[in-house]
Structure formats: C-alpha cells, structure tokens
Amino acid sequence: MTILVTGGTGLVGSRLLRRFVDAGVDCRALVRPGKEVFAGATPVEGDLFDTDSLKQAVDGVSAIVHLAAVFRTLNDDDVWRANLDGTKNLIAAAIAHAPQARFVMASTSLVYNADASHPALEDDSTNPKLAYPASKIAAETELRNSGLNWSILRLGFVYGDGDGHLASVPPLVARFKWHPAKTFSLVHQRDVAGAFELALTGAMDGQVVNICDDAPTTLYEMASLVGSPIEASAEPLTDPWMGRMDGSRLRSLGFQPTVPTLYQAAQQGIL
C-alpha cells in the first residue's frame, strides 16, 4: 500500500506520518519546498495549487489521507482558498490519476451547530458561521459528490504527544469569549492515528465518522492540566452542547480509544 499524506508537517500530520512510516507503510508527503518530513517518507515538493505536483503525488497511490488545512489565521479568504479550493484540486487530481484510491479526509467537530440540543451526530444538520468549519463542510460536500471512495473523519479537539495544542486553550477562550465550563470532545494523537488506520481498511468507506474519546472535558480543566488556569465562572452556560460529539458510530465499527480520557493522558505523561 502506498499512501499520500497532505499536511504531513502539521500538528496531526507529522505525528500520523511518523506512525505510518514506523509501521512499514510506504508514504508520500506533499510538502512545500524547504519543508522536511519524517525520515522514511518520500517528499513530493509542491502544494494543493500546483497541478504538476499533485499529479506526481497521487499517481499510483492506493490511498490519500488529506489533512492539509488552514485555520490559525484571521484571513477568511486564505481559509476558504486552502480548505475548499485546495481540496477540490486534490479531488480532481485523484479522479484523473488515482480514481481507485481510497480518499480519507480530516474534518472537524466545529462543523456542528452551536445551538445543538444534544451531542452531535454525524447526520445532524450543519450550518457553521465561521470560515474554518464552513469551508470544511463545503469541502466535505465536494468529496461526497466526487464519485471517489471516500470517508470523512470529524476530529474532536486533538491533543497529545507534545503537540502543544492544549496550551492554545487560554488564548482561544480569550479570543472567542468562551465560558470556562464549555465542554469539548477530545481525541489523543494516538487515537487519531488509530482512527485513520481503521479508515484505511475500508471500515469507514462512504461514511462520516466522529472521532472522539470517552470523556468530554471543560476548557477550565484543559487549561488547568497544562498549568495555565483560566478564570472560573458560575454564570449560566449558553450553547451547552457546542463542541460535544457522539462517538457511537465509531464504537460500532469496533474502535476503542487507547487514551480514553485527558486525565489518563496526564497520568501517563503523554499530553
């Protein structure tokens, strides 16, 4: 099996690429010039807007793991260009040069409506207002209508293995004025890898699947566990289900998280 990974230098992609290579998987990584990838992966220099590099990247692969995305910016045009237009270009390349490849795309729990009345299910309606989740839903739609063999993994708040993501909680709380009791479904990097490995077996073909652990956790607890406590509050919490996902579909496919809670990750020293 030969797998193309996009976003292979990012927080998720770099760790996933390393796990694939360590498991003996033949991996290619689409990277911009000057970027280094984990030893053992084959770099293909280019990007999602370079037609020639996309042809080279997808030619002959058996699977595509699409992780490349832009969200840490205030420029909405950049977000839409990367997440929607870039995905459309990758889909077009796959149709033209690797139509039999399994196409597995990462999406986000943020696509679900903030005013939901329950933990989000994969078939719930989605109408996100912010550029990042809205662009991901648009990209999902492109993939679902592509005719390719697809699966979409909606990731909870990803953390672990020293990625530093939990440290972003205090500034996110300040930026979005989130209540410290707001609760998010989480998933450790190791279980992100396990979910993608399962998807590559075909178990998720044609499905959207929520990827999360067993214990949604408050922003207050996340910040405290990494030594950056945020201000407490007893004010009423609005939109209490925002950020929460139902992981039943994933469990029905036989998946069990190896790191079921944030507190267990802290005890094991793998934050």
Foldseek 3Di string as FASTA:
>chain_A
DEEEEEPCVALLNQVLVVVCQVVVHAYEYEDAPPDDGDPRYHYQHDALVDLVSLLVRQAPGQAYEYEDADDPDPDLVVRLCCLAVSLLSNLVSCVVHPQNHEYEYEAALQQADLQDPAADDQPDDGDDDDSNSVSNVNSVVCVLPSNGFYEYEHEAQEDWQPSCSLVCLVVVCVVVVAAQQAWAFYAYSVQVSVVVVLVNVVLGTSHYAYRGAQDIDGNQVSCVLVPRGDDHDPDDHGSNNRNGHDHVVVVVSVDHGPQRDPVSCSVVVTD
